[in-house]
């Protein structure tokens, strides 16, 4: 049951792209936001949540006061391998399957009897842009935060132009098939 204290507290939901280089900086940001007085929900995919528990121990991701970990499926077949998932498949899968699961999570977090404040803002990785649609539906602000360097961002933003000018993909490149999928997210 919500109380006057939980109703007034701000609640940030943090949603990284499910890869280590995205999860680690988002978790650091989430901890800083929590330290400034927010209730924080950190959302991982089920696959990465299992990996974090294996690497940090079973109690490492236990809920703390005003900081909780939640999961959504990534849409890929179940895998318990301790390795990075195929990035191209992950990009396509999260873009095409995560929104309904994310909406369900938001509904559960915003239930009046949940005992926590309702979500008041969403901070997401740009590769998880479906968060913008979900935020709009529940009428809360959503910020997309890019943690990689500027070169990576510019490459990502210019990818469609490189393809249209015939400069990419290069023949024989290992990620030749992936460049089209990654560029279609812009």
N, C-alpha and C. Protein backbone atom coordinates (compact mmCIF):
# COMPACT_ATOMS: atom_id res chain seq x y z
N UNK A 1 0.85 -1.17 0.00
CA UNK A 1 0.00 0.00 0.00
C UNK A 1 0.89 1.24 0.00
N UNK A 2 0.56 2.23 -0.82
CA UNK A 2 1.36 3.44 -0.86
C UNK A 2 1.02 4.32 0.34
N UNK A 3 1.98 5.08 0.74
CA UNK A 3 1.83 6.00 1.87
C UNK A 3 2.08 7.41 1.35
N UNK A 4 1.77 8.44 2.14
CA UNK A 4 2.08 9.80 1.69
C UNK A 4 3.55 9.98 1.34
N UNK A 5 4.44 9.29 2.05
CA UNK A 5 5.88 9.41 1.77
C UNK A 5 6.23 8.81 0.41
N UNK A 6 5.65 7.64 0.09
CA UNK A 6 5.97 7.01 -1.20
C UNK A 6 5.29 7.73 -2.35
N UNK A 7 4.15 8.37 -2.08
CA UNK A 7 3.47 9.08 -3.15
C UNK A 7 4.22 10.32 -3.59
N UNK A 8 4.98 10.96 -2.69
CA UNK A 8 5.71 12.19 -3.01
C UNK A 8 7.11 11.94 -3.52
N UNK A 9 7.70 10.81 -3.24
CA UNK A 9 9.07 10.53 -3.64
C UNK A 9 9.16 10.32 -5.15
N UNK A 10 10.22 10.83 -5.74
CA UNK A 10 10.43 10.64 -7.17
C UNK A 10 10.99 9.24 -7.43
N UNK A 11 10.61 8.67 -8.56
CA UNK A 11 10.99 7.30 -8.90
C UNK A 11 11.54 7.28 -10.31
N UNK A 12 12.83 7.02 -10.44
CA UNK A 12 13.49 6.93 -11.75
C UNK A 12 13.64 5.46 -12.13
N UNK A 13 13.26 5.15 -13.34
CA UNK A 13 13.47 3.81 -13.88
C UNK A 13 14.61 3.91 -14.88
N UNK A 14 15.65 3.09 -14.70
CA UNK A 14 16.83 3.11 -15.56
C UNK A 14 16.86 1.85 -16.41
N UNK A 15 16.99 2.04 -17.72
CA UNK A 15 16.91 0.93 -18.67
C UNK A 15 18.11 0.96 -19.62
N UNK A 16 19.15 0.17 -19.33
CA UNK A 16 20.30 0.12 -20.25
C UNK A 16 20.07 -0.85 -21.40
N UNK A 17 20.83 -0.67 -22.48
CA UNK A 17 20.87 -1.70 -23.51
C UNK A 17 21.57 -2.90 -22.87
N UNK A 18 21.16 -4.14 -23.18
CA UNK A 18 21.69 -5.31 -22.47
C UNK A 18 23.07 -5.77 -22.92
N UNK A 19 24.07 -4.92 -22.74
CA UNK A 19 25.47 -5.27 -22.98
C UNK A 19 26.30 -4.57 -21.91
N UNK A 20 27.39 -5.19 -21.51
CA UNK A 20 28.16 -4.71 -20.35
C UNK A 20 28.57 -3.25 -20.47
N UNK A 21 29.00 -2.81 -21.65
CA UNK A 21 29.43 -1.43 -21.83
C UNK A 21 28.30 -0.43 -21.69
N UNK A 22 27.07 -0.91 -21.64
CA UNK A 22 25.91 -0.06 -21.45
C UNK A 22 25.36 -0.22 -20.02
N UNK A 23 25.41 -1.43 -19.51
CA UNK A 23 24.88 -1.71 -18.17
C UNK A 23 25.71 -1.02 -17.09
N UNK A 24 27.02 -1.17 -17.16
CA UNK A 24 27.88 -0.62 -16.10
C UNK A 24 27.73 0.88 -15.91
N UNK A 25 27.81 1.70 -16.98
CA UNK A 25 27.64 3.14 -16.75
C UNK A 25 26.22 3.51 -16.33
N UNK A 26 25.20 2.79 -16.83
CA UNK A 26 23.83 3.09 -16.42
C UNK A 26 23.65 2.76 -14.94
N UNK A 27 24.28 1.68 -14.48
CA UNK A 27 24.19 1.33 -13.06
C UNK A 27 24.87 2.40 -12.20
N UNK A 28 25.99 2.92 -12.66
CA UNK A 28 26.66 4.01 -11.94
C UNK A 28 25.74 5.23 -11.86
N UNK A 29 25.11 5.59 -12.98
CA UNK A 29 24.18 6.71 -12.98
C UNK A 29 23.00 6.44 -12.05
N UNK A 30 22.48 5.22 -12.08
CA UNK A 30 21.35 4.87 -11.21
C UNK A 30 21.72 5.03 -9.74
N UNK A 31 22.93 4.64 -9.38
CA UNK A 31 23.37 4.79 -7.98
C UNK A 31 23.50 6.25 -7.59
N UNK A 32 23.96 7.09 -8.52
CA UNK A 32 24.05 8.53 -8.25
C UNK A 32 22.66 9.15 -8.08
N UNK A 33 21.74 8.74 -8.93
CA UNK A 33 20.37 9.23 -8.82
C UNK A 33 19.76 8.79 -7.49
N UNK A 34 20.01 7.55 -7.12
CA UNK A 34 19.52 7.04 -5.84
C UNK A 34 20.09 7.85 -4.67
N UNK A 35 21.37 8.16 -4.76
CA UNK A 35 22.02 8.94 -3.69
C UNK A 35 21.45 10.35 -3.58
N UNK A 36 20.82 10.84 -4.65
CA UNK A 36 20.23 12.18 -4.59
C UNK A 36 18.78 12.15 -4.09
N UNK A 37 18.30 10.98 -3.68
CA UNK A 37 17.00 10.90 -3.03
C UNK A 37 15.89 10.24 -3.84
N UNK A 38 16.18 9.74 -5.00
CA UNK A 38 15.17 9.06 -5.82
C UNK A 38 15.01 7.61 -5.39
N UNK A 39 13.82 7.10 -5.56
CA UNK A 39 13.61 5.66 -5.58
C UNK A 39 14.04 5.24 -6.98
N UNK A 40 14.81 4.15 -7.12
CA UNK A 40 15.32 3.73 -8.42
C UNK A 40 14.93 2.28 -8.69
N UNK A 41 14.47 2.05 -9.92
CA UNK A 41 14.28 0.71 -10.43
C UNK A 41 15.24 0.54 -11.59
N UNK A 42 16.14 -0.43 -11.48
CA UNK A 42 17.11 -0.72 -12.52
C UNK A 42 16.63 -1.95 -13.26
N UNK A 43 16.42 -1.82 -14.57
CA UNK A 43 15.83 -2.90 -15.35
C UNK A 43 16.89 -3.55 -16.24
N UNK A 44 17.09 -4.81 -16.04
CA UNK A 44 17.98 -5.63 -16.85
C UNK A 44 17.16 -6.64 -17.64
N UNK A 45 17.76 -7.22 -18.65
CA UNK A 45 17.12 -8.36 -19.28
C UNK A 45 17.34 -9.57 -18.36
N UNK A 46 16.51 -10.56 -18.50
CA UNK A 46 16.63 -11.76 -17.66
C UNK A 46 18.00 -12.40 -17.85
N UNK A 47 18.50 -12.45 -19.08
CA UNK A 47 19.80 -13.03 -19.38
C UNK A 47 20.91 -12.32 -18.61
N UNK A 48 20.95 -11.00 -18.68
CA UNK A 48 22.01 -10.26 -18.00
C UNK A 48 21.84 -10.25 -16.49
N UNK A 49 20.62 -10.31 -16.02
CA UNK A 49 20.39 -10.40 -14.57
C UNK A 49 21.01 -11.69 -14.02
N UNK A 50 20.77 -12.81 -14.75
CA UNK A 50 21.37 -14.08 -14.33
C UNK A 50 22.90 -14.00 -14.35
N UNK A 51 23.47 -13.37 -15.35
CA UNK A 51 24.93 -13.23 -15.45
C UNK A 51 25.48 -12.40 -14.29
N UNK A 52 24.80 -11.31 -13.95
CA UNK A 52 25.26 -10.48 -12.84
C UNK A 52 25.21 -11.23 -11.52
N UNK A 53 24.16 -11.98 -11.32
CA UNK A 53 24.06 -12.78 -10.08
C UNK A 53 25.18 -13.81 -10.02
N UNK A 54 25.45 -14.48 -11.15
CA UNK A 54 26.55 -15.46 -11.17
C UNK A 54 27.90 -14.80 -10.87
N UNK A 55 28.13 -13.63 -11.41
CA UNK A 55 29.45 -13.01 -11.25
C UNK A 55 29.61 -12.29 -9.92
N UNK A 56 28.52 -11.76 -9.36
CA UNK A 56 28.63 -10.98 -8.12
C UNK A 56 28.05 -11.66 -6.89
N UNK A 57 27.40 -12.79 -7.07
CA UNK A 57 26.84 -13.51 -5.93
C UNK A 57 25.34 -13.32 -5.82
N UNK A 58 24.67 -14.28 -5.18
CA UNK A 58 23.21 -14.31 -5.15
C UNK A 58 22.56 -13.14 -4.40
N UNK A 59 23.27 -12.51 -3.49
CA UNK A 59 22.66 -11.40 -2.75
C UNK A 59 23.06 -10.04 -3.30
N UNK A 60 23.91 -10.01 -4.33
CA UNK A 60 24.42 -8.74 -4.84
C UNK A 60 23.34 -7.85 -5.45
N UNK A 61 22.30 -8.45 -5.98
CA UNK A 61 21.25 -7.66 -6.62
C UNK A 61 19.95 -7.69 -5.82
N UNK A 62 20.07 -8.00 -4.54
CA UNK A 62 18.89 -7.98 -3.68
C UNK A 62 18.41 -6.54 -3.55
N UNK A 63 17.11 -6.40 -3.42
CA UNK A 63 16.54 -5.06 -3.28
C UNK A 63 17.08 -4.39 -2.03
N UNK A 64 17.39 -3.13 -2.17
CA UNK A 64 17.81 -2.30 -1.05
C UNK A 64 16.68 -1.30 -0.81
N UNK A 65 16.83 -0.53 0.25
CA UNK A 65 15.82 0.50 0.50
C UNK A 65 15.81 1.46 -0.68
N UNK A 66 14.69 1.56 -1.34
CA UNK A 66 14.48 2.49 -2.45
C UNK A 66 15.33 2.22 -3.68
N UNK A 67 15.90 1.03 -3.83
CA UNK A 67 16.66 0.67 -5.04
C UNK A 67 16.35 -0.79 -5.33
N UNK A 68 15.71 -1.03 -6.46
CA UNK A 68 15.32 -2.40 -6.79
C UNK A 68 15.75 -2.76 -8.20
N UNK A 69 15.96 -4.04 -8.41
CA UNK A 69 16.31 -4.59 -9.72
C UNK A 69 15.11 -5.36 -10.25
N UNK A 70 14.77 -5.10 -11.49
CA UNK A 70 13.68 -5.80 -12.15
C UNK A 70 14.20 -6.30 -13.49
N UNK A 71 13.46 -7.23 -14.09
CA UNK A 71 13.89 -7.79 -15.38
C UNK A 71 12.74 -7.79 -16.38
N UNK A 72 13.15 -7.79 -17.65
CA UNK A 72 12.23 -8.03 -18.75
C UNK A 72 12.93 -9.01 -19.69
N UNK A 73 12.19 -9.80 -20.45
CA UNK A 73 12.83 -10.70 -21.41
C UNK A 73 13.40 -9.90 -22.58
N UNK A 74 14.45 -10.44 -23.19
CA UNK A 74 15.06 -9.76 -24.35
C UNK A 74 14.52 -10.28 -25.67
N UNK A 75 13.68 -11.31 -25.62
CA UNK A 75 13.08 -11.84 -26.83
C UNK A 75 13.90 -12.91 -27.54
N UNK A 76 15.10 -13.17 -27.05
CA UNK A 76 15.94 -14.21 -27.65
C UNK A 76 15.67 -15.54 -26.96
N UNK A 77 16.00 -16.66 -27.60
CA UNK A 77 15.83 -17.96 -26.94
C UNK A 77 16.63 -18.02 -25.64
N UNK A 78 16.11 -18.80 -24.68
CA UNK A 78 16.78 -18.93 -23.39
C UNK A 78 18.22 -19.39 -23.59
N UNK A 79 19.11 -18.78 -22.85
CA UNK A 79 20.53 -19.14 -22.91
C UNK A 79 21.12 -18.88 -21.54
N UNK A 80 21.88 -19.83 -21.04
CA UNK A 80 22.52 -19.66 -19.74
C UNK A 80 24.04 -19.57 -19.90
N UNK A 81 24.49 -19.33 -21.12
CA UNK A 81 25.91 -19.23 -21.41
C UNK A 81 26.46 -17.95 -20.80
N UNK A 82 27.68 -18.00 -20.33
CA UNK A 82 28.31 -16.82 -19.75
C UNK A 82 29.13 -16.12 -20.82
N UNK A 83 28.42 -15.50 -21.76
CA UNK A 83 29.06 -14.83 -22.89
C UNK A 83 28.14 -13.72 -23.38
N UNK A 84 28.70 -12.80 -24.10
CA UNK A 84 27.90 -11.73 -24.69
C UNK A 84 27.01 -12.31 -25.78
N UNK A 85 25.78 -11.88 -25.80
CA UNK A 85 24.85 -12.33 -26.83
C UNK A 85 25.23 -11.67 -28.16
N UNK A 86 24.75 -12.25 -29.26
CA UNK A 86 24.98 -11.68 -30.57
C UNK A 86 24.32 -10.30 -30.62
N UNK A 87 25.13 -9.26 -30.83
CA UNK A 87 24.65 -7.88 -30.74
C UNK A 87 23.59 -7.57 -31.79
N UNK A 88 23.78 -8.04 -33.01
CA UNK A 88 22.79 -7.77 -34.06
C UNK A 88 21.45 -8.39 -33.70
N UNK A 89 21.47 -9.65 -33.27
CA UNK A 89 20.22 -10.31 -32.87
C UNK A 89 19.59 -9.60 -31.68
N UNK A 90 20.42 -9.18 -30.75
CA UNK A 90 19.93 -8.49 -29.56
C UNK A 90 19.29 -7.16 -29.93
N UNK A 91 19.92 -6.40 -30.82
CA UNK A 91 19.34 -5.12 -31.27
C UNK A 91 17.97 -5.34 -31.90
N UNK A 92 17.90 -6.29 -32.79
CA UNK A 92 16.64 -6.57 -33.48
C UNK A 92 15.58 -7.06 -32.49
N UNK A 93 15.96 -7.95 -31.62
CA UNK A 93 15.02 -8.54 -30.68
C UNK A 93 14.49 -7.51 -29.68
N UNK A 94 15.38 -6.70 -29.11
CA UNK A 94 14.90 -5.71 -28.13
C UNK A 94 13.98 -4.71 -28.81
N UNK A 95 14.33 -4.30 -30.01
CA UNK A 95 13.51 -3.32 -30.74
C UNK A 95 12.13 -3.90 -31.05
N UNK A 96 12.06 -5.19 -31.35
CA UNK A 96 10.80 -5.79 -31.80
C UNK A 96 9.97 -6.46 -30.71
N UNK A 97 10.56 -6.79 -29.56
CA UNK A 97 9.80 -7.57 -28.58
C UNK A 97 9.70 -6.98 -27.18
N UNK A 98 10.50 -5.99 -26.84
CA UNK A 98 10.57 -5.55 -25.44
C UNK A 98 9.46 -4.60 -24.99
N UNK A 99 8.90 -3.83 -25.90
CA UNK A 99 7.91 -2.82 -25.49
C UNK A 99 6.75 -3.41 -24.68
N UNK A 100 6.10 -4.48 -25.10
CA UNK A 100 4.99 -5.00 -24.28
C UNK A 100 5.43 -5.44 -22.88
N UNK A 101 6.61 -6.04 -22.78
CA UNK A 101 7.12 -6.47 -21.47
C UNK A 101 7.45 -5.26 -20.60
N UNK A 102 7.99 -4.23 -21.23
CA UNK A 102 8.32 -3.01 -20.49
C UNK A 102 7.05 -2.32 -20.01
N UNK A 103 6.02 -2.29 -20.86
CA UNK A 103 4.72 -1.71 -20.44
C UNK A 103 4.15 -2.47 -19.24
N UNK A 104 4.21 -3.80 -19.30
CA UNK A 104 3.72 -4.60 -18.18
C UNK A 104 4.46 -4.28 -16.89
N UNK A 105 5.78 -4.14 -17.00
CA UNK A 105 6.57 -3.79 -15.82
C UNK A 105 6.15 -2.43 -15.28
N UNK A 106 5.98 -1.45 -16.15
CA UNK A 106 5.54 -0.13 -15.70
C UNK A 106 4.17 -0.20 -15.02
N UNK A 107 3.27 -1.00 -15.56
CA UNK A 107 1.95 -1.18 -14.94
C UNK A 107 2.09 -1.73 -13.53
N UNK A 108 2.94 -2.75 -13.37
CA UNK A 108 3.14 -3.35 -12.03
C UNK A 108 3.75 -2.34 -11.07
N UNK A 109 4.73 -1.56 -11.54
CA UNK A 109 5.38 -0.58 -10.67
C UNK A 109 4.44 0.55 -10.28
N UNK A 110 3.50 0.87 -11.15
CA UNK A 110 2.60 2.00 -10.91
C UNK A 110 1.28 1.60 -10.24
N UNK A 111 1.12 0.32 -9.90
CA UNK A 111 -0.09 -0.11 -9.21
C UNK A 111 -0.18 0.60 -7.86
N UNK A 112 -1.37 1.08 -7.51
CA UNK A 112 -1.50 1.80 -6.23
C UNK A 112 -1.06 0.98 -5.01
N UNK A 113 -1.23 -0.32 -5.03
CA UNK A 113 -0.87 -1.15 -3.89
C UNK A 113 0.56 -1.66 -3.92
N UNK A 114 1.39 -1.16 -4.82
CA UNK A 114 2.75 -1.68 -4.96
C UNK A 114 3.66 -1.33 -3.79
N UNK A 115 3.29 -0.32 -3.02
CA UNK A 115 4.11 0.05 -1.87
C UNK A 115 5.34 0.88 -2.21
N UNK A 116 5.41 1.33 -3.44
CA UNK A 116 6.51 2.18 -3.87
C UNK A 116 5.91 3.36 -4.64
N UNK A 117 6.68 4.45 -4.76
CA UNK A 117 6.13 5.56 -5.56
C UNK A 117 6.01 5.16 -7.03
N UNK A 118 5.06 5.75 -7.70
CA UNK A 118 4.91 5.50 -9.13
C UNK A 118 6.11 6.05 -9.89
N UNK A 119 6.37 5.50 -11.04
CA UNK A 119 7.50 5.95 -11.86
C UNK A 119 7.24 7.38 -12.29
N UNK A 120 8.21 8.27 -12.03
CA UNK A 120 8.07 9.68 -12.39
C UNK A 120 8.98 10.08 -13.55
N UNK A 121 9.95 9.24 -13.91
CA UNK A 121 10.79 9.51 -15.06
C UNK A 121 11.49 8.22 -15.49
N UNK A 122 11.87 8.18 -16.77
CA UNK A 122 12.57 7.03 -17.32
C UNK A 122 13.87 7.52 -17.94
N UNK A 123 14.95 6.81 -17.64
CA UNK A 123 16.25 7.09 -18.24
C UNK A 123 16.64 5.82 -18.98
N UNK A 124 16.81 5.95 -20.30
CA UNK A 124 17.04 4.76 -21.11
C UNK A 124 18.21 4.97 -22.07
N UNK A 125 18.78 3.87 -22.47
CA UNK A 125 19.79 3.87 -23.51
C UNK A 125 19.08 4.15 -24.84
N UNK A 126 19.68 4.94 -25.73
CA UNK A 126 19.03 5.20 -27.02
C UNK A 126 18.71 3.94 -27.83
N UNK A 127 19.45 2.86 -27.62
CA UNK A 127 19.15 1.62 -28.32
C UNK A 127 17.90 0.94 -27.77
N UNK A 128 17.37 1.46 -26.68
CA UNK A 128 16.13 0.96 -26.09
C UNK A 128 15.05 2.04 -26.26
N UNK A 129 14.98 2.60 -27.46
CA UNK A 129 14.12 3.76 -27.72
C UNK A 129 12.63 3.48 -27.54
N UNK A 130 12.24 2.22 -27.45
CA UNK A 130 10.84 1.91 -27.16
C UNK A 130 10.41 2.51 -25.83
N UNK A 131 11.38 2.84 -24.97
CA UNK A 131 11.06 3.48 -23.68
C UNK A 131 10.39 4.83 -23.89
N UNK A 132 10.69 5.51 -25.00
CA UNK A 132 10.04 6.79 -25.30
C UNK A 132 8.53 6.59 -25.47
N UNK A 133 8.14 5.54 -26.18
CA UNK A 133 6.72 5.26 -26.39
C UNK A 133 6.03 4.94 -25.07
N UNK A 134 6.68 4.13 -24.26
CA UNK A 134 6.09 3.76 -22.97
C UNK A 134 5.96 4.98 -22.05
N UNK A 135 6.98 5.82 -22.04
CA UNK A 135 6.94 7.03 -21.20
C UNK A 135 5.82 7.96 -21.64
N UNK A 136 5.65 8.09 -22.93
CA UNK A 136 4.58 8.94 -23.46
C UNK A 136 3.22 8.42 -23.02
N UNK A 137 3.06 7.09 -23.04
CA UNK A 137 1.79 6.49 -22.65
C UNK A 137 1.44 6.76 -21.19
N UNK A 138 2.45 6.75 -20.31
CA UNK A 138 2.16 6.99 -18.89
C UNK A 138 2.42 8.44 -18.49
N UNK A 139 2.75 9.27 -19.50
CA UNK A 139 2.90 10.72 -19.32
C UNK A 139 3.98 11.08 -18.30
N UNK A 140 5.17 10.47 -18.49
CA UNK A 140 6.33 10.86 -17.69
C UNK A 140 7.47 11.20 -18.65
N UNK A 141 8.39 12.05 -18.21
CA UNK A 141 9.53 12.37 -19.08
C UNK A 141 10.46 11.18 -19.25
N UNK A 142 11.09 11.13 -20.42
CA UNK A 142 12.06 10.07 -20.71
C UNK A 142 13.30 10.72 -21.31
N UNK A 143 14.44 10.41 -20.74
CA UNK A 143 15.72 10.90 -21.27
C UNK A 143 16.49 9.71 -21.81
N UNK A 144 17.06 9.89 -23.01
CA UNK A 144 17.92 8.88 -23.59
C UNK A 144 19.36 9.32 -23.33
N UNK A 145 20.15 8.44 -22.73
CA UNK A 145 21.52 8.78 -22.36
C UNK A 145 22.48 7.88 -23.12
N UNK A 146 23.40 8.49 -23.86
CA UNK A 146 24.41 7.78 -24.64
C UNK A 146 25.70 7.76 -23.83
N UNK A 147 26.17 6.57 -23.46
CA UNK A 147 27.36 6.46 -22.63
C UNK A 147 28.65 6.23 -23.41
N UNK A 148 28.54 5.86 -24.68
CA UNK A 148 29.74 5.61 -25.47
C UNK A 148 30.38 6.94 -25.88
N UNK A 149 31.56 6.83 -26.48
CA UNK A 149 32.27 8.04 -26.88
C UNK A 149 31.60 8.71 -28.09
N UNK A 150 32.02 9.93 -28.38
CA UNK A 150 31.42 10.71 -29.47
C UNK A 150 31.65 10.06 -30.83
N UNK A 151 32.79 9.41 -31.01
CA UNK A 151 33.06 8.75 -32.29
C UNK A 151 32.03 7.65 -32.57
N UNK A 152 31.71 6.90 -31.56
CA UNK A 152 30.73 5.83 -31.72
C UNK A 152 29.36 6.42 -32.06
N UNK A 153 28.98 7.47 -31.36
CA UNK A 153 27.69 8.11 -31.63
C UNK A 153 27.64 8.65 -33.06
N UNK A 154 28.68 9.32 -33.49
CA UNK A 154 28.70 9.87 -34.85
C UNK A 154 28.65 8.75 -35.89
N UNK A 155 29.38 7.66 -35.66
CA UNK A 155 29.33 6.53 -36.58
C UNK A 155 27.94 5.95 -36.67
N UNK A 156 27.30 5.81 -35.53
CA UNK A 156 25.94 5.28 -35.48
C UNK A 156 24.98 6.20 -36.22
N UNK A 157 25.09 7.51 -35.99
CA UNK A 157 24.18 8.47 -36.63
C UNK A 157 24.43 8.60 -38.13
N UNK A 158 25.67 8.42 -38.55
CA UNK A 158 26.01 8.58 -39.97
C UNK A 158 25.91 7.27 -40.76
N UNK A 159 25.65 6.17 -40.10
CA UNK A 159 25.58 4.88 -40.75
C UNK A 159 24.62 4.85 -41.95
N UNK A 160 23.40 5.36 -41.83
CA UNK A 160 22.50 5.34 -43.00
C UNK A 160 23.07 6.12 -44.20
N UNK A 161 23.72 7.23 -43.93
CA UNK A 161 24.31 8.00 -45.02
C UNK A 161 25.45 7.22 -45.69
N UNK A 162 26.27 6.55 -44.90
CA UNK A 162 27.37 5.76 -45.46
C UNK A 162 26.83 4.66 -46.37
N UNK A 163 25.75 4.04 -45.97
CA UNK A 163 25.14 2.98 -46.78
C UNK A 163 24.55 3.59 -48.07
N UNK A 164 23.83 4.69 -47.93
CA UNK A 164 23.20 5.29 -49.11
C UNK A 164 24.24 5.78 -50.12
N UNK A 165 25.42 6.14 -49.66
CA UNK A 165 26.49 6.60 -50.57
C UNK A 165 27.35 5.44 -51.06
N UNK A 166 27.02 4.22 -50.63
CA UNK A 166 27.77 3.05 -51.08
C UNK A 166 29.11 2.87 -50.41
N UNK A 167 29.34 3.56 -49.31
CA UNK A 167 30.61 3.47 -48.59
C UNK A 167 30.62 2.36 -47.54
N UNK A 168 29.46 1.85 -47.21
CA UNK A 168 29.35 0.77 -46.23
C UNK A 168 28.18 -0.10 -46.66
N UNK A 169 28.15 -1.33 -46.32
CA UNK A 169 29.20 -2.07 -45.61
C UNK A 169 30.34 -2.45 -46.56
N UNK A 170 31.49 -2.63 -46.00
CA UNK A 170 32.66 -3.04 -46.78
C UNK A 170 32.60 -4.54 -47.02
N UNK A 171 32.98 -4.97 -48.19
CA UNK A 171 32.98 -6.40 -48.51
C UNK A 171 33.92 -7.14 -47.55
N UNK A 172 33.46 -8.29 -47.07
CA UNK A 172 34.30 -9.13 -46.22
C UNK A 172 34.33 -8.74 -44.76
N UNK A 173 33.61 -7.70 -44.36
CA UNK A 173 33.61 -7.29 -42.95
C UNK A 173 32.83 -8.32 -42.13
N UNK A 174 33.34 -8.59 -40.95
CA UNK A 174 32.72 -9.60 -40.08
C UNK A 174 31.26 -9.22 -39.77
N UNK A 175 30.96 -7.96 -39.54
CA UNK A 175 29.62 -7.54 -39.16
C UNK A 175 28.86 -6.97 -40.35
N UNK A 176 29.21 -7.42 -41.53
CA UNK A 176 28.58 -6.95 -42.75
C UNK A 176 27.05 -6.98 -42.67
N UNK A 177 26.48 -8.10 -42.20
CA UNK A 177 25.03 -8.21 -42.14
C UNK A 177 24.45 -7.34 -41.03
N UNK A 178 25.24 -7.07 -40.01
CA UNK A 178 24.74 -6.32 -38.86
C UNK A 178 24.61 -4.84 -39.08
N UNK A 179 25.39 -4.28 -39.99
CA UNK A 179 25.36 -2.85 -40.16
C UNK A 179 23.98 -2.38 -40.63
N UNK A 180 23.30 -3.17 -41.46
CA UNK A 180 21.97 -2.79 -41.92
C UNK A 180 20.97 -2.80 -40.76
N UNK A 181 21.04 -3.81 -39.88
CA UNK A 181 20.13 -3.90 -38.75
C UNK A 181 20.38 -2.78 -37.75
N UNK A 182 21.62 -2.51 -37.46
CA UNK A 182 21.93 -1.46 -36.50
C UNK A 182 21.51 -0.11 -37.02
N UNK A 183 21.69 0.13 -38.29
CA UNK A 183 21.34 1.42 -38.87
C UNK A 183 19.84 1.63 -38.96
N UNK A 184 19.08 0.57 -39.00
CA UNK A 184 17.64 0.73 -39.12
C UNK A 184 17.00 1.16 -37.80
N UNK A 185 17.79 1.25 -36.72
CA UNK A 185 17.24 1.70 -35.44
C UNK A 185 17.22 3.20 -35.31
N UNK A 186 17.89 3.91 -36.25
CA UNK A 186 17.93 5.38 -36.14
C UNK A 186 16.68 6.01 -36.69
